[in-house]
N, C-alpha and C. Protein backbone atom coordinates (compact mmCIF):
# COMPACT_ATOMS: atom_id res chain seq x y z
N UNK A 1 0.64 -1.10 -0.11
CA UNK A 1 0.07 -0.15 -0.17
C UNK A 1 0.84 1.25 0.02
N UNK A 2 1.86 1.38 1.01
CA UNK A 2 2.59 2.32 0.84
C UNK A 2 3.61 2.69 -0.75
N UNK A 3 4.08 1.64 -0.95
CA UNK A 3 4.41 2.01 -2.46
C UNK A 3 3.65 2.30 -3.33
N UNK A 4 2.57 1.88 -3.24
CA UNK A 4 1.31 2.09 -4.38
C UNK A 4 0.85 3.81 -4.20
N UNK A 5 0.77 4.18 -2.80
CA UNK A 5 0.59 5.44 -2.66
C UNK A 5 1.65 6.45 -2.93
N UNK A 6 2.99 6.10 -2.79
CA UNK A 6 4.47 6.53 -3.45
C UNK A 6 3.93 6.76 -4.71
N UNK A 7 3.76 5.76 -5.83
CA UNK A 7 4.07 6.00 -6.93
C UNK A 7 2.94 6.91 -7.68
N UNK A 8 1.47 6.90 -6.81
CA UNK A 8 0.59 7.57 -7.19
C UNK A 8 0.93 8.88 -6.73
N UNK A 9 1.50 9.38 -5.98
CA UNK A 9 1.79 10.89 -5.34
C UNK A 9 3.21 11.19 -6.48
N UNK A 10 3.77 10.28 -6.79
CA UNK A 10 4.79 10.52 -7.93
C UNK A 10 4.58 11.04 -9.02
N UNK A 11 3.56 10.21 -9.60
CA UNK A 11 2.90 10.46 -10.89
C UNK A 11 2.24 11.84 -10.68
N UNK A 12 1.41 12.14 -9.56
CA UNK A 12 0.46 13.42 -9.37
C UNK A 12 1.45 14.65 -9.55
N UNK A 13 2.74 14.40 -8.94
CA UNK A 13 3.39 15.75 -8.92
C UNK A 13 4.63 15.72 -10.24
N UNK A 14 4.66 14.83 -11.05
CA UNK A 14 5.77 14.72 -11.87
C UNK A 14 5.98 15.99 -12.93
N UNK A 15 7.08 15.99 -13.36
CA UNK A 15 7.53 17.35 -13.96
C UNK A 15 6.96 17.34 -15.27
N UNK A 16 6.90 18.55 -16.14
CA UNK A 16 6.39 18.82 -17.32
C UNK A 16 7.32 19.19 -18.23
N UNK A 17 7.13 18.75 -19.57
CA UNK A 17 8.25 19.08 -20.48
C UNK A 17 7.52 19.73 -21.75
N UNK A 18 8.06 20.70 -22.24
CA UNK A 18 7.50 20.87 -23.38
C UNK A 18 8.09 21.04 -24.40
N UNK A 19 7.83 20.55 -25.79
CA UNK A 19 8.55 20.40 -27.16
C UNK A 19 8.35 21.61 -27.78
N UNK A 20 9.54 22.60 -27.40
CA UNK A 20 9.74 23.95 -27.84
C UNK A 20 9.60 24.26 -29.15
N UNK A 21 10.03 23.09 -30.19
CA UNK A 21 10.11 23.39 -31.60
C UNK A 21 8.59 23.20 -32.29
N UNK A 22 7.55 22.49 -31.26
CA UNK A 22 6.15 22.62 -31.79
C UNK A 22 5.37 23.75 -31.00
N UNK A 23 6.09 24.39 -30.21
CA UNK A 23 5.22 25.12 -29.36
C UNK A 23 4.97 26.74 -30.29
N UNK A 24 3.89 27.21 -29.89
CA UNK A 24 3.80 28.71 -30.35
C UNK A 24 4.52 29.90 -29.84
N UNK A 25 4.98 30.68 -30.93
CA UNK A 25 6.06 31.39 -30.12
C UNK A 25 5.32 33.01 -29.92
N UNK A 26 5.91 33.78 -29.40
CA UNK A 26 5.82 35.37 -29.54
C UNK A 26 5.99 35.60 -31.09
N UNK A 27 5.16 36.41 -31.58
CA UNK A 27 4.96 36.92 -33.10
C UNK A 27 4.43 35.76 -34.17
N UNK A 28 3.91 34.76 -33.69
CA UNK A 28 2.94 33.90 -34.51
C UNK A 28 1.62 34.06 -34.37
N UNK A 29 0.85 34.16 -35.47
CA UNK A 29 -0.32 34.24 -35.43
C UNK A 29 -1.14 32.56 -34.70
N UNK A 30 -2.23 32.86 -33.98
CA UNK A 30 -2.51 31.65 -33.49
C UNK A 30 -3.47 30.92 -34.68
N UNK A 31 -3.52 29.30 -34.33
CA UNK A 31 -4.17 28.71 -35.51
C UNK A 31 -5.37 28.92 -35.51
N UNK A 32 -6.35 28.55 -36.42
CA UNK A 32 -7.64 29.00 -35.93
C UNK A 32 -8.17 27.70 -35.59
N UNK A 33 -9.30 27.39 -34.67
CA UNK A 33 -9.75 26.47 -33.99
C UNK A 33 -11.05 26.66 -33.59
N UNK A 34 -11.89 25.30 -33.32
CA UNK A 34 -12.99 25.30 -32.42
C UNK A 34 -13.01 24.62 -31.46
N UNK A 35 -13.66 24.66 -30.44
CA UNK A 35 -14.13 23.62 -29.12
C UNK A 35 -15.37 24.06 -28.80
N UNK A 36 -15.71 23.29 -27.92
CA UNK A 36 -17.09 23.41 -27.30
C UNK A 36 -16.60 24.10 -25.72
N UNK A 37 -17.55 24.82 -25.56
CA UNK A 37 -17.41 25.73 -24.14
C UNK A 37 -18.03 25.08 -23.12
N UNK A 38 -18.22 25.85 -21.88
CA UNK A 38 -18.56 25.15 -20.79
C UNK A 38 -20.27 24.96 -20.67
N UNK A 39 -20.95 25.91 -21.56
CA UNK A 39 -22.25 25.55 -21.89
C UNK A 39 -22.77 24.61 -23.04
N UNK A 40 -21.51 23.86 -23.61
CA UNK A 40 -21.55 22.78 -24.81
C UNK A 40 -21.64 23.62 -26.30
N UNK A 41 -21.51 24.61 -26.25
CA UNK A 41 -21.91 25.44 -27.33
C UNK A 41 -20.43 25.52 -28.26
N UNK A 42 -20.46 25.69 -29.34
CA UNK A 42 -19.03 25.46 -30.33
C UNK A 42 -18.74 27.10 -30.21
N UNK A 43 -17.38 27.21 -30.06
CA UNK A 43 -16.77 28.37 -29.90
C UNK A 43 -15.35 28.47 -31.29
N UNK A 44 -15.71 29.43 -31.94
CA UNK A 44 -14.76 29.43 -33.33
C UNK A 44 -13.76 30.71 -32.88
N UNK A 45 -12.42 30.33 -32.70
CA UNK A 45 -11.27 31.42 -32.61
C UNK A 45 -11.58 32.59 -33.85
N UNK A 46 -12.19 32.57 -34.77
CA UNK A 46 -12.41 33.42 -35.59
C UNK A 46 -13.22 34.37 -35.00
N UNK A 47 -14.07 34.34 -33.97
CA UNK A 47 -14.54 35.34 -33.11
C UNK A 47 -13.91 36.19 -32.70
N UNK A 48 -12.38 35.79 -32.31
CA UNK A 48 -11.56 36.89 -31.75
C UNK A 48 -10.90 37.91 -32.39
N UNK A 49 -11.18 37.59 -33.65
CA UNK A 49 -10.54 38.77 -34.80
C UNK A 49 -10.94 40.29 -34.34
N UNK A 50 -10.31 41.12 -34.31
CA UNK A 50 -10.68 42.76 -33.95
C UNK A 50 -10.67 42.76 -32.39
N UNK A 51 -10.33 41.74 -31.38
CA UNK A 51 -10.52 41.96 -30.11
C UNK A 51 -8.78 41.57 -29.68
N UNK A 52 -8.72 42.55 -28.32
CA UNK A 52 -7.53 41.96 -27.78
C UNK A 52 -7.83 40.81 -26.68
N UNK A 53 -6.81 39.82 -26.90
CA UNK A 53 -7.29 38.70 -26.07
C UNK A 53 -5.87 38.18 -25.03
N UNK A 54 -6.75 37.51 -24.01
CA UNK A 54 -5.73 36.79 -23.15
C UNK A 54 -6.08 35.07 -23.03
N UNK A 55 -5.42 34.37 -23.68
CA UNK A 55 -5.66 32.93 -23.40
C UNK A 55 -5.00 32.34 -22.79
N UNK A 56 -5.54 31.53 -21.50
CA UNK A 56 -4.98 30.95 -20.39
C UNK A 56 -5.22 29.37 -20.64
N UNK A 57 -3.99 28.76 -20.92
CA UNK A 57 -4.32 27.18 -20.69
C UNK A 57 -4.03 26.66 -19.37
N UNK A 58 -4.78 25.85 -18.84
CA UNK A 58 -4.66 25.32 -17.58
C UNK A 58 -4.95 23.87 -17.72
N UNK A 59 -4.38 23.11 -16.63
CA UNK A 59 -4.64 21.57 -16.67
C UNK A 59 -6.06 21.46 -16.32
N UNK A 60 -7.00 21.69 -15.27
CA UNK A 60 -8.26 21.03 -15.23
C UNK A 60 -8.53 21.95 -14.07
N UNK A 61 -9.86 21.83 -13.71
CA UNK A 61 -10.17 22.52 -12.23
C UNK A 61 -10.25 21.68 -11.23
N UNK A 62 -9.82 20.03 -11.27
CA UNK A 62 -9.16 19.58 -10.15
C UNK A 62 -7.97 20.00 -9.65
N UNK A 63 -7.15 20.79 -10.73
CA UNK A 63 -5.91 21.42 -10.12
C UNK A 63 -5.89 22.33 -9.23
N UNK A 64 -5.57 22.48 -7.84
CA UNK A 64 -5.66 23.55 -7.18
C UNK A 64 -4.83 24.89 -7.35
N UNK A 65 -3.47 24.54 -7.71
CA UNK A 65 -2.94 25.66 -8.46
C UNK A 65 -3.35 26.36 -9.95
N UNK A 66 -4.19 25.54 -10.59
CA UNK A 66 -4.74 26.32 -11.64
C UNK A 66 -6.17 27.12 -11.03
N UNK A 67 -6.90 26.47 -10.22
CA UNK A 67 -8.02 27.27 -9.72
C UNK A 67 -7.54 28.30 -9.28
N UNK A 68 -6.41 28.46 -8.15
CA UNK A 68 -5.69 29.75 -7.73
C UNK A 68 -5.51 30.76 -8.53
N UNK A 69 -4.74 30.18 -9.63
CA UNK A 69 -4.37 31.11 -10.78
C UNK A 69 -5.54 31.76 -11.14
N UNK A 70 -6.29 31.14 -11.72
CA UNK A 70 -7.55 31.53 -12.24
C UNK A 70 -8.50 32.60 -11.46
N UNK A 71 -8.38 32.60 -10.11
CA UNK A 71 -9.12 33.31 -9.16
C UNK A 71 -8.22 34.63 -9.27
N UNK A 72 -6.76 34.42 -9.33
CA UNK A 72 -5.98 35.61 -9.32
C UNK A 72 -6.21 36.29 -10.63
N UNK A 73 -6.30 35.75 -11.46
CA UNK A 73 -6.45 36.78 -12.63
C UNK A 73 -7.76 37.63 -12.67
N UNK A 74 -9.06 36.71 -12.07
CA UNK A 74 -10.05 37.72 -12.07
C UNK A 74 -9.79 39.17 -11.51
N UNK A 75 -8.94 38.73 -10.37
CA UNK A 75 -8.17 40.32 -9.96
C UNK A 75 -8.09 41.63 -10.61
N UNK A 76 -7.77 41.01 -11.83
CA UNK A 76 -7.61 41.71 -13.07
C UNK A 76 -8.74 42.15 -13.64
N UNK A 77 -10.09 42.14 -13.40
CA UNK A 77 -11.43 42.26 -14.15
C UNK A 77 -11.36 43.58 -14.64
N UNK A 78 -11.26 44.42 -13.89
CA UNK A 78 -11.16 46.14 -14.26
C UNK A 78 -10.39 46.43 -15.07
N UNK A 79 -8.98 45.79 -15.26
CA UNK A 79 -8.22 46.00 -16.39
C UNK A 79 -8.45 45.37 -17.64
N UNK A 80 -9.09 44.32 -17.45
CA UNK A 80 -9.53 43.26 -18.75
C UNK A 80 -10.50 44.50 -19.58
N UNK A 81 -11.49 44.89 -18.65
CA UNK A 81 -12.77 45.61 -18.78
C UNK A 81 -12.48 46.91 -19.71
N UNK A 82 -11.31 47.62 -18.87
CA UNK A 82 -11.06 48.77 -19.53
C UNK A 82 -10.32 48.84 -21.06
N UNK A 83 -9.69 47.49 -21.16
CA UNK A 83 -9.24 47.54 -22.24
C UNK A 83 -10.03 46.67 -23.47
N UNK A 84 -11.12 46.38 -22.98
CA UNK A 84 -12.07 45.34 -24.02
C UNK A 84 -11.25 43.97 -23.65
N UNK A 85 -10.36 43.51 -23.24
CA UNK A 85 -10.13 42.12 -23.37
C UNK A 85 -10.72 40.98 -23.09
N UNK A 86 -10.84 40.21 -24.44
CA UNK A 86 -11.63 39.10 -24.37
C UNK A 86 -10.80 37.83 -23.42
N UNK A 87 -11.19 37.35 -22.49
CA UNK A 87 -10.52 36.08 -21.54
C UNK A 87 -11.03 35.05 -22.01
N UNK A 88 -10.48 34.07 -22.43
CA UNK A 88 -10.68 32.68 -22.98
C UNK A 88 -9.50 31.60 -22.19
N UNK A 89 -10.38 30.50 -21.81
CA UNK A 89 -9.22 29.44 -21.03
C UNK A 89 -9.61 28.37 -21.93
N UNK A 90 -8.83 27.55 -21.95
CA UNK A 90 -8.33 25.75 -22.30
C UNK A 90 -8.09 25.29 -21.46
N UNK A 91 -8.61 24.09 -21.26
CA UNK A 91 -8.24 22.93 -20.53
C UNK A 91 -8.81 21.61 -20.64
N UNK A 92 -8.56 20.60 -19.91
CA UNK A 92 -8.84 19.14 -20.35
C UNK A 92 -10.22 19.12 -19.70
N UNK A 93 -10.67 19.62 -19.00
CA UNK A 93 -12.08 19.41 -18.71
C UNK A 93 -13.17 19.43 -19.37
N UNK A 94 -14.30 18.66 -19.48
CA UNK A 94 -15.31 18.43 -20.17
C UNK A 94 -16.06 19.58 -20.09
N UNK A 95 -16.88 20.09 -21.11
CA UNK A 95 -17.92 21.15 -20.75
C UNK A 95 -18.84 20.68 -19.39
N UNK A 96 -19.48 19.67 -19.16
CA UNK A 96 -20.05 19.34 -17.75
C UNK A 96 -19.21 19.72 -16.47
N UNK A 97 -17.97 19.62 -16.52
CA UNK A 97 -16.76 19.95 -15.75
C UNK A 97 -16.74 21.39 -15.27
N UNK A 98 -16.76 21.93 -16.39
CA UNK A 98 -16.49 23.59 -16.73
C UNK A 98 -17.72 24.14 -15.91
N UNK A 99 -18.85 23.71 -16.30
CA UNK A 99 -20.28 24.39 -15.86
C UNK A 99 -20.39 24.14 -14.27
N UNK A 100 -19.75 22.82 -13.97
CA UNK A 100 -19.92 22.27 -12.48
C UNK A 100 -19.00 23.06 -11.58
N UNK A 101 -17.73 23.47 -11.99
CA UNK A 101 -16.83 23.89 -11.22
C UNK A 101 -16.29 25.33 -11.55
N UNK A 102 -16.70 25.80 -12.33
CA UNK A 102 -16.02 27.08 -12.84
C UNK A 102 -16.71 28.07 -11.53
N UNK A 103 -17.40 27.99 -10.37
CA UNK A 103 -17.64 28.64 -9.17
C UNK A 103 -16.29 28.72 -8.26
N UNK A 104 -15.58 27.72 -8.65
CA UNK A 104 -14.38 27.44 -7.81
C UNK A 104 -13.49 28.67 -7.73
N UNK A 105 -13.47 29.43 -8.85
CA UNK A 105 -12.51 30.70 -8.99
C UNK A 105 -13.48 31.87 -9.30
N UNK A 106 -14.24 31.76 -10.08
CA UNK A 106 -15.15 32.90 -10.59
C UNK A 106 -14.74 33.98 -11.49
N UNK A 107 -13.39 33.42 -12.49
CA UNK A 107 -13.17 33.79 -13.53
C UNK A 107 -14.03 34.08 -14.59
N UNK A 108 -14.30 35.29 -15.08
CA UNK A 108 -15.51 35.57 -16.09
C UNK A 108 -14.73 35.43 -17.31
N UNK A 109 -14.87 34.47 -18.05
CA UNK A 109 -14.17 33.88 -19.15
C UNK A 109 -14.72 32.81 -19.84
N UNK A 110 -14.69 32.81 -21.40
CA UNK A 110 -15.19 31.74 -22.23
C UNK A 110 -14.24 30.66 -22.10
N UNK A 111 -14.81 29.65 -21.04
CA UNK A 111 -13.94 28.38 -21.09
C UNK A 111 -14.18 27.26 -21.81
N UNK A 112 -13.29 26.67 -22.19
CA UNK A 112 -13.14 25.84 -23.50
C UNK A 112 -12.43 24.45 -23.34
N UNK A 113 -13.17 23.64 -23.33
CA UNK A 113 -13.10 22.02 -23.26
C UNK A 113 -12.25 21.85 -24.29
N UNK A 114 -10.81 21.02 -23.70
CA UNK A 114 -10.30 20.41 -24.84
C UNK A 114 -9.64 18.97 -24.17
N UNK A 115 -10.76 18.05 -24.04
CA UNK A 115 -10.31 16.87 -23.19
C UNK A 115 -9.15 15.98 -24.19
N UNK A 116 -9.21 16.22 -25.64
CA UNK A 116 -8.49 15.47 -26.78
C UNK A 116 -7.09 15.88 -26.96
N UNK A 117 -7.28 17.29 -26.33
CA UNK A 117 -5.99 18.07 -26.26
C UNK A 117 -5.91 18.67 -27.95
N UNK A 118 -6.43 18.76 -28.87
CA UNK A 118 -6.64 19.11 -30.12
C UNK A 118 -6.38 20.54 -30.29
N UNK A 119 -7.09 21.52 -29.30
CA UNK A 119 -6.39 22.88 -29.49
C UNK A 119 -4.96 23.01 -28.89
N UNK A 120 -4.91 22.27 -27.45
CA UNK A 120 -3.56 22.23 -26.77
C UNK A 120 -2.41 21.95 -27.83
N UNK A 121 -2.55 20.96 -28.81
CA UNK A 121 -1.76 20.32 -29.66
C UNK A 121 -1.48 21.64 -30.73
N UNK A 122 -2.42 22.21 -31.11
CA UNK A 122 -2.31 23.08 -32.34
C UNK A 122 -1.49 24.30 -31.76
N UNK A 123 -1.47 24.52 -30.36
CA UNK A 123 -0.31 25.83 -30.06
C UNK A 123 0.74 25.00 -29.65
N UNK A 124 0.77 23.66 -29.59
CA UNK A 124 2.02 22.87 -29.17
C UNK A 124 2.48 23.05 -27.71
N UNK A 125 1.28 23.15 -26.83
CA UNK A 125 1.36 23.18 -25.51
C UNK A 125 1.25 22.01 -24.67
N UNK A 126 1.55 20.81 -25.27
CA UNK A 126 0.97 19.49 -24.83
C UNK A 126 2.17 19.18 -23.67
N UNK A 127 2.15 18.83 -22.16
CA UNK A 127 3.12 18.51 -21.74
C UNK A 127 3.67 16.99 -22.25
N UNK A 128 4.88 16.92 -22.55
CA UNK A 128 5.29 15.57 -23.11
C UNK A 128 5.68 14.70 -22.16
N UNK A 129 6.07 14.98 -20.72
CA UNK A 129 6.26 14.30 -19.87
C UNK A 129 5.38 13.42 -19.35
N UNK A 130 5.30 12.87 -18.35
CA UNK A 130 4.41 11.70 -17.79
C UNK A 130 3.14 12.29 -17.70
N UNK A 131 1.94 11.94 -17.66
CA UNK A 131 0.79 12.52 -17.35
C UNK A 131 0.80 12.47 -15.90
N UNK A 132 0.32 13.83 -15.50
CA UNK A 132 0.39 13.96 -13.93
C UNK A 132 -0.86 14.41 -13.26
N UNK A 133 -1.87 13.96 -13.85
CA UNK A 133 -3.13 13.96 -13.30
C UNK A 133 -3.58 13.33 -12.01
N UNK A 134 -4.87 13.31 -11.76
CA UNK A 134 -5.19 12.05 -10.64
C UNK A 134 -6.00 11.13 -11.42
N UNK A 135 -5.77 10.29 -10.28
CA UNK A 135 -6.43 8.56 -11.07
C UNK A 135 -7.31 8.74 -11.47
N UNK A 136 -8.45 9.56 -11.33
CA UNK A 136 -9.81 9.49 -11.93
C UNK A 136 -10.07 10.39 -13.26
N UNK A 137 -9.02 10.99 -13.43
CA UNK A 137 -8.99 11.98 -14.67
C UNK A 137 -8.67 11.19 -16.00
N UNK A 138 -9.60 11.28 -17.03
CA UNK A 138 -9.00 10.28 -18.34
C UNK A 138 -8.45 11.38 -19.40
N UNK A 139 -7.67 12.08 -19.12
CA UNK A 139 -7.09 13.06 -20.13
C UNK A 139 -5.53 12.28 -20.23
N UNK A 140 -5.38 11.88 -21.22
CA UNK A 140 -4.15 11.10 -22.10
C UNK A 140 -3.15 12.04 -21.46
N UNK A 141 -3.23 13.24 -21.75
CA UNK A 141 -1.91 14.26 -21.36
C UNK A 141 -2.39 15.68 -20.93
N UNK A 142 -1.87 16.48 -20.69
CA UNK A 142 -2.31 17.82 -20.00
C UNK A 142 -1.30 18.89 -20.69
N UNK A 143 -2.21 20.03 -20.80
CA UNK A 143 -1.24 21.20 -21.26
C UNK A 143 -0.30 22.12 -20.35
N UNK A 144 0.58 22.40 -20.71
CA UNK A 144 1.46 23.18 -20.14
C UNK A 144 1.10 24.25 -19.63
N UNK A 145 0.79 24.73 -18.34
CA UNK A 145 -0.07 25.89 -18.05
C UNK A 145 1.08 27.23 -18.61
N UNK A 146 -0.02 28.17 -19.37
CA UNK A 146 0.46 29.10 -20.44
C UNK A 146 -0.19 30.12 -20.47
N UNK A 147 -0.02 31.33 -20.43
CA UNK A 147 -1.01 32.86 -20.61
C UNK A 147 -0.27 33.42 -21.91
N UNK A 148 -1.33 33.43 -22.92
CA UNK A 148 -0.81 34.50 -24.04
C UNK A 148 -1.73 35.38 -24.34
N UNK A 149 -0.94 36.59 -24.68
CA UNK A 149 -1.57 37.93 -25.09
C UNK A 149 -1.69 38.25 -26.41
N UNK A 150 -2.88 38.49 -26.99
CA UNK A 150 -2.90 38.62 -28.60
C UNK A 150 -3.53 39.68 -28.92
N UNK A 151 -2.79 40.30 -30.10
CA UNK A 151 -3.01 41.62 -30.70
C UNK A 151 -4.79 41.57 -31.44
N UNK A 152 -5.23 42.15 -32.08
CA UNK A 152 -6.29 42.08 -32.55
C UNK A 152 -6.66 41.33 -33.70
N UNK A 153 -5.31 41.02 -34.45
CA UNK A 153 -5.06 40.12 -35.42
C UNK A 153 -4.80 38.76 -35.05
N UNK A 154 -4.85 38.07 -33.87
CA UNK A 154 -4.35 36.77 -33.45
C UNK A 154 -2.91 36.67 -33.35
N UNK A 155 -2.05 37.65 -33.10
CA UNK A 155 -0.54 37.42 -33.34
C UNK A 155 -0.33 37.38 -31.89
N UNK A 156 0.33 36.51 -31.11
CA UNK A 156 1.09 36.35 -30.12
C UNK A 156 1.84 37.78 -29.48
N UNK A 157 1.43 38.67 -28.65
CA UNK A 157 2.75 39.84 -28.38
C UNK A 157 3.29 39.36 -27.16
N UNK A 158 2.99 38.12 -26.32
CA UNK A 158 3.51 38.01 -25.02
C UNK A 158 2.96 36.62 -24.66
N UNK A 159 3.99 35.92 -24.08
CA UNK A 159 3.65 34.44 -23.30
C UNK A 159 4.47 34.32 -21.92
N UNK A 160 3.71 33.78 -21.23
CA UNK A 160 4.26 33.06 -19.95
C UNK A 160 3.62 31.73 -20.00
N UNK A 161 4.83 30.93 -19.90
CA UNK A 161 5.09 29.46 -19.92
C UNK A 161 5.40 29.13 -18.35
N UNK A 162 4.56 28.44 -17.44
CA UNK A 162 4.78 27.87 -16.26
C UNK A 162 5.82 26.62 -16.63
N UNK A 163 7.36 27.02 -15.81
CA UNK A 163 8.06 25.67 -15.90
C UNK A 163 7.84 24.53 -15.28
N UNK A 164 7.32 25.16 -13.93
CA UNK A 164 6.87 24.18 -13.05
C UNK A 164 5.26 24.58 -12.63
N UNK A 165 4.46 23.42 -13.01
CA UNK A 165 2.95 23.71 -12.78
C UNK A 165 2.49 24.42 -11.40
N UNK A 166 3.27 24.38 -10.35
CA UNK A 166 3.10 24.46 -8.97
C UNK A 166 3.35 25.87 -8.83
N UNK A 167 3.92 26.56 -9.78
CA UNK A 167 4.42 28.00 -9.59
C UNK A 167 3.76 28.52 -10.80
N UNK A 168 2.87 29.96 -10.28
CA UNK A 168 2.13 30.55 -11.24
C UNK A 168 2.79 31.97 -11.26
N UNK A 169 2.69 32.78 -12.25
CA UNK A 169 2.95 34.03 -12.13
C UNK A 169 2.08 34.90 -11.62
N UNK A 170 2.31 35.92 -10.60
CA UNK A 170 1.48 36.63 -10.20
C UNK A 170 0.75 37.92 -10.90
N UNK A 171 -0.64 37.93 -11.04
CA UNK A 171 -1.42 39.00 -11.74
C UNK A 171 -0.60 40.24 -12.23
N UNK A 172 0.36 40.54 -11.24
CA UNK A 172 0.93 41.87 -11.48
C UNK A 172 1.76 41.76 -12.94
N UNK A 173 2.39 40.41 -12.97
CA UNK A 173 3.32 39.88 -14.23
C UNK A 173 2.33 40.46 -15.36
N UNK A 174 1.22 39.72 -15.59
CA UNK A 174 0.32 39.73 -16.62
C UNK A 174 -0.20 41.23 -16.62
N UNK A 175 -0.74 42.00 -15.48
CA UNK A 175 -0.93 43.45 -15.90
C UNK A 175 0.08 44.17 -16.52
N UNK A 176 1.49 44.20 -15.98
CA UNK A 176 2.65 44.77 -16.80
C UNK A 176 2.58 44.47 -18.23
N UNK A 177 2.48 43.16 -18.32
CA UNK A 177 2.42 42.76 -20.00
C UNK A 177 1.38 43.43 -20.87
N UNK A 178 -0.01 43.40 -20.21
CA UNK A 178 -0.90 44.02 -20.78
C UNK A 178 -0.39 45.90 -21.01
N UNK A 179 0.07 46.48 -19.93
CA UNK A 179 0.57 47.90 -20.24
C UNK A 179 1.33 48.09 -21.01
N UNK A 180 2.33 47.09 -21.37
CA UNK A 180 3.41 46.93 -22.45
C UNK A 180 2.88 47.03 -23.45
N UNK A 181 1.91 45.75 -24.00
CA UNK A 181 1.80 45.28 -25.27
C UNK A 181 0.26 46.05 -25.75
N UNK A 182 -0.57 45.89 -24.62
CA UNK A 182 -2.13 46.41 -25.25
C UNK A 182 -2.07 47.99 -24.99
N UNK A 183 -1.48 48.56 -24.16
CA UNK A 183 -1.68 50.02 -23.87
C UNK A 183 -0.94 50.87 -25.17
N UNK A 184 -0.11 50.04 -25.91
CA UNK A 184 0.57 51.04 -26.80
C UNK A 184 0.06 50.95 -28.42
N UNK A 185 -1.20 49.80 -28.27
CA UNK A 185 -1.76 49.43 -29.79
C UNK A 185 -2.82 51.01 -30.09
């Protein structure tokens, strides 16, 4: 029992790896994609054209680090609204999980379901290390937590990729990036 608990804990906290040769970079235009949102409705990324955008890739609502980060991002609500920023999230949660668990953080965002990692892979943000989710999660892998700021044409202006999924940037880092990149457009 002790060995199995240790192995489960080891997988749960395993490191993450990103294939940087495949990942999106600053200066790239995001790929077009569709995904279901938390209401089960289809979202098309083309609807982002003409808007400033923050896209947040996170693991899932079962991840306490993710929920904490989303709660902290909501602290920037007035800053998002002042700039007209569309906030989008992408996780491995199914639409039903998003609908049931979004109250945990209160982030006002269009939350997209990506359990098969189609969107995550289009951005090249799949964690290529051992899957580090809880035992009841059916995702084959997880995204590396990342925050992207996009201009009105879908070009990546700034990225913050968490090297350690347990450590996330403070909202002040995102605010400074918005001030630097969005306030000059």
